[in-house]
Amino acid sequence: METVSSFPLLPCAIFLKEFKQLIQQGNLLVSYSLKNLNSLASLGLTTEMRKGILLSLTVDDYSSGPEPDHNFPGDVWKFGKEVGEKQLYVKLKIEDQGHRKIAKCLSFHIAEREICTHYKPYK
């Protein structure tokens, strides 16, 4: 685990700012995996609520990244976000498609194990 001194505060803040701007411009693409869909249903969340949660992410929710995406070019960032009594695992990336950038939400589901965030350990 990284120490607070090695926590990439500024790069994370810059990533989140750009990610949120892309969402607000309508450039959000979400992975509709069964795990992601089941988590939305079990938590009673709508797609608009998911969007609101993504827009509410802060550096306090940071878990790890940037890390290479093992499936496609680019890096991913990982976050843990508390929703009610549950913790969500959120994996994000910004994909440059040449003519435009896309905010991609690759994972948005109930965490399978505790996600340690740098400033807010899950209870």
C-alpha atoms as a PDB file:
ATOM      1  CA  MET A   1       0.000   0.000   0.000  1.00  0.00           C
ATOM      2  CA  GLU A   2       1.213   3.485  -0.767  1.00  0.00           C
ATOM      3  CA  THR A   3       1.916   5.859   2.058  1.00  0.00           C
ATOM      4  CA  VAL A   4       0.194   9.218   2.226  1.00  0.00           C
ATOM      5  CA  SER A   5       3.450  10.866   1.096  1.00  0.00           C
ATOM      6  CA  SER A   6       3.357   8.860  -2.160  1.00  0.00           C
ATOM      7  CA  PHE A   7      -0.374   9.411  -2.725  1.00  0.00           C
ATOM      8  CA  PRO A   8      -0.802  11.057  -6.156  1.00  0.00           C
ATOM      9  CA  LEU A   9      -3.116  13.811  -4.919  1.00  0.00           C
ATOM     10  CA  LEU A  10      -2.629  16.265  -7.768  1.00  0.00           C
ATOM     11  CA  PRO A  11      -2.776  13.724 -10.642  1.00  0.00           C
ATOM     12  CA  CYS A  12      -5.912  12.183  -9.092  1.00  0.00           C
ATOM     13  CA  ALA A  13      -7.576  15.583  -8.729  1.00  0.00           C
ATOM     14  CA  ILE A  14      -6.729  16.441 -12.341  1.00  0.00           C
ATOM     15  CA  PHE A  15      -8.082  13.072 -13.537  1.00  0.00           C
ATOM     16  CA  LEU A  16     -11.353  13.498 -11.611  1.00  0.00           C
ATOM     17  CA  LYS A  17     -11.824  17.058 -12.871  1.00  0.00           C
ATOM     18  CA  GLU A  18     -11.435  15.972 -16.496  1.00  0.00           C
ATOM     19  CA  PHE A  19     -13.577  12.859 -15.975  1.00  0.00           C
ATOM     20  CA  LYS A  20     -16.409  14.932 -14.503  1.00  0.00           C
ATOM     21  CA  GLN A  21     -16.176  17.509 -17.292  1.00  0.00           C
ATOM     22  CA  LEU A  22     -16.558  14.722 -19.847  1.00  0.00           C
ATOM     23  CA  ILE A  23     -19.632  13.390 -18.010  1.00  0.00           C
ATOM     24  CA  GLN A  24     -21.192  16.847 -18.009  1.00  0.00           C
ATOM     25  CA  GLN A  25     -20.523  17.124 -21.754  1.00  0.00           C
ATOM     26  CA  GLY A  26     -22.426  13.870 -22.289  1.00  0.00           C
ATOM     27  CA  ASN A  27     -19.322  11.803 -23.015  1.00  0.00           C
ATOM     28  CA  LEU A  28     -19.849   8.943 -20.536  1.00  0.00           C
ATOM     29  CA  LEU A  29     -19.714   5.294 -21.515  1.00  0.00           C
ATOM     30  CA  VAL A  30     -20.590   2.687 -18.870  1.00  0.00           C
ATOM     31  CA  SER A  31     -19.832  -1.018 -18.955  1.00  0.00           C
ATOM     32  CA  TYR A  32     -23.116  -2.883 -18.646  1.00  0.00           C
ATOM     33  CA  SER A  33     -21.666  -6.063 -17.156  1.00  0.00           C
ATOM     34  CA  LEU A  34     -23.996  -8.326 -15.228  1.00  0.00           C
ATOM     35  CA  LYS A  35     -22.116  -7.536 -12.011  1.00  0.00           C
ATOM     36  CA  ASN A  36     -22.575  -3.796 -12.555  1.00  0.00           C
ATOM     37  CA  LEU A  37     -26.276  -4.170 -13.402  1.00  0.00           C
ATOM     38  CA  ASN A  38     -26.967  -6.478 -10.439  1.00  0.00           C
ATOM     39  CA  SER A  39     -25.337  -4.005  -8.072  1.00  0.00           C
ATOM     40  CA  LEU A  40     -27.467  -1.135  -9.371  1.00  0.00           C
ATOM     41  CA  ALA A  41     -30.589  -3.230  -8.841  1.00  0.00           C
ATOM     42  CA  SER A  42     -29.667  -4.509  -5.371  1.00  0.00           C
ATOM     43  CA  LEU A  43     -28.826  -0.976  -4.199  1.00  0.00           C
ATOM     44  CA  GLY A  44     -31.949   0.505  -5.797  1.00  0.00           C
ATOM     45  CA  LEU A  45     -29.888   2.904  -7.902  1.00  0.00           C
ATOM     46  CA  THR A  46     -30.936   4.377 -11.226  1.00  0.00           C
ATOM     47  CA  THR A  47     -28.518   5.276 -13.989  1.00  0.00           C
ATOM     48  CA  GLU A  48     -28.970   8.942 -13.043  1.00  0.00           C
ATOM     49  CA  MET A  49     -28.074   8.123  -9.434  1.00  0.00           C
ATOM     50  CA  ARG A  50     -24.958   6.310 -10.685  1.00  0.00           C
ATOM     51  CA  LYS A  51     -24.041   9.403 -12.665  1.00  0.00           C
ATOM     52  CA  GLY A  52     -24.477  11.498  -9.514  1.00  0.00           C
ATOM     53  CA  ILE A  53     -22.211   9.157  -7.555  1.00  0.00           C
ATOM     54  CA  LEU A  54     -19.558   9.385 -10.265  1.00  0.00           C
ATOM     55  CA  LEU A  55     -19.784  13.186 -10.143  1.00  0.00           C
ATOM     56  CA  SER A  56     -19.438  13.082  -6.341  1.00  0.00           C
ATOM     57  CA  LEU A  57     -16.130  11.169  -6.333  1.00  0.00           C
ATOM     58  CA  THR A  58     -13.244  12.998  -4.659  1.00  0.00           C
ATOM     59  CA  VAL A  59      -9.599  12.289  -3.977  1.00  0.00           C
ATOM     60  CA  ASP A  60     -10.768  10.970  -0.589  1.00  0.00           C
ATOM     61  CA  ASP A  61     -12.303   8.021  -2.468  1.00  0.00           C
ATOM     62  CA  TYR A  62      -9.033   7.217  -4.287  1.00  0.00           C
ATOM     63  CA  SER A  63      -7.753   3.667  -3.935  1.00  0.00           C
ATOM     64  CA  SER A  64      -5.136   3.151  -6.662  1.00  0.00           C
ATOM     65  CA  GLY A  65      -3.896   4.282 -10.025  1.00  0.00           C
ATOM     66  CA  PRO A  66      -3.007   5.221 -12.516  1.00  0.00           C
ATOM     67  CA  GLU A  67      -2.399   1.612 -13.516  1.00  0.00           C
ATOM     68  CA  PRO A  68      -2.141   0.144 -17.017  1.00  0.00           C
ATOM     69  CA  ASP A  69      -5.423  -1.144 -18.432  1.00  0.00           C
ATOM     70  CA  HIS A  70      -4.719  -4.805 -19.163  1.00  0.00           C
ATOM     71  CA  ASN A  71      -7.353  -4.988 -21.916  1.00  0.00           C
ATOM     72  CA  PHE A  72      -6.956  -1.750 -23.863  1.00  0.00           C
ATOM     73  CA  PRO A  73      -4.447   1.106 -24.169  1.00  0.00           C
ATOM     74  CA  GLY A  74      -4.470   3.663 -21.375  1.00  0.00           C
ATOM     75  CA  ASP A  75      -4.569   3.771 -17.606  1.00  0.00           C
ATOM     76  CA  VAL A  76      -7.288   3.043 -15.064  1.00  0.00           C
ATOM     77  CA  TRP A  77      -8.010   4.661 -11.720  1.00  0.00           C
ATOM     78  CA  LYS A  78      -9.762   2.832  -8.863  1.00  0.00           C
ATOM     79  CA  PHE A  79     -11.990   4.266  -6.168  1.00  0.00           C
ATOM     80  CA  GLY A  80     -14.064   3.061  -3.233  1.00  0.00           C
ATOM     81  CA  LYS A  81     -17.319   4.881  -2.528  1.00  0.00           C
ATOM     82  CA  GLU A  82     -19.685   4.270   0.368  1.00  0.00           C
ATOM     83  CA  VAL A  83     -23.360   4.052  -0.549  1.00  0.00           C
ATOM     84  CA  GLY A  84     -25.530   3.351   2.454  1.00  0.00           C
ATOM     85  CA  GLU A  85     -24.091   0.325   4.251  1.00  0.00           C
ATOM     86  CA  LYS A  86     -22.182  -0.889   1.192  1.00  0.00           C
ATOM     87  CA  GLN A  87     -18.941   0.063  -0.450  1.00  0.00           C
ATOM     88  CA  LEU A  88     -18.741   0.363  -4.222  1.00  0.00           C
ATOM     89  CA  TYR A  89     -15.735  -0.567  -6.319  1.00  0.00           C
ATOM     90  CA  VAL A  90     -15.413   1.981  -9.115  1.00  0.00           C
ATOM     91  CA  LYS A  91     -12.861   1.662 -11.936  1.00  0.00           C
ATOM     92  CA  LEU A  92     -12.559   4.553 -14.367  1.00  0.00           C
ATOM     93  CA  LYS A  93     -10.508   5.676 -17.329  1.00  0.00           C
ATOM     94  CA  ILE A  94     -10.424   8.439 -19.890  1.00  0.00           C
ATOM     95  CA  GLU A  95     -10.098   7.096 -23.399  1.00  0.00           C
ATOM     96  CA  ASP A  96      -8.727   9.278 -26.144  1.00  0.00           C
ATOM     97  CA  GLN A  97     -10.502   8.321 -29.364  1.00  0.00           C
ATOM     98  CA  GLY A  98      -8.519  10.766 -31.487  1.00  0.00           C
ATOM     99  CA  HIS A  99     -11.351  13.141 -32.324  1.00  0.00           C
ATOM    100  CA  ARG A 100     -12.740  13.169 -28.770  1.00  0.00           C
ATOM    101  CA  LYS A 101     -12.244  11.854 -25.263  1.00  0.00           C
ATOM    102  CA  ILE A 102     -14.666   9.545 -23.454  1.00  0.00           C
ATOM    103  CA  ALA A 103     -15.153   9.068 -19.710  1.00  0.00           C
ATOM    104  CA  LYS A 104     -15.424   5.297 -19.236  1.00  0.00           C
ATOM    105  CA  CYS A 105     -16.838   3.617 -16.163  1.00  0.00           C
ATOM    106  CA  LEU A 106     -15.493   0.078 -16.398  1.00  0.00           C
ATOM    107  CA  SER A 107     -16.654  -1.143 -12.973  1.00  0.00           C
ATOM    108  CA  PHE A 108     -19.384   0.122 -10.677  1.00  0.00           C
ATOM    109  CA  HIS A 109     -20.418  -2.640  -8.318  1.00  0.00           C
ATOM    110  CA  ILE A 110     -20.553  -3.690  -4.701  1.00  0.00           C
ATOM    111  CA  ALA A 111     -17.000  -4.324  -3.530  1.00  0.00           C
ATOM    112  CA  GLU A 112     -16.097  -7.988  -3.170  1.00  0.00           C
ATOM    113  CA  ARG A 113     -13.539  -7.128  -0.491  1.00  0.00           C
ATOM    114  CA  GLU A 114     -12.671  -4.064   1.517  1.00  0.00           C
ATOM    115  CA  ILE A 115     -11.245  -1.239  -0.561  1.00  0.00           C
ATOM    116  CA  CYS A 116      -8.711   0.802   1.307  1.00  0.00           C
ATOM    117  CA  THR A 117      -8.938   4.433   0.341  1.00  0.00           C
ATOM    118  CA  HIS A 118      -6.051   6.656   1.354  1.00  0.00           C
ATOM    119  CA  TYR A 119      -7.972   8.924   3.682  1.00  0.00           C
ATOM    120  CA  LYS A 120     -11.179   7.025   4.492  1.00  0.00           C
ATOM    121  CA  PRO A 121     -10.789   3.335   5.346  1.00  0.00           C
ATOM    122  CA  TYR A 122     -14.084   1.483   4.966  1.00  0.00           C
ATOM    123  CA  LYS A 123     -15.750   0.706   8.278  1.00  0.00           C
END
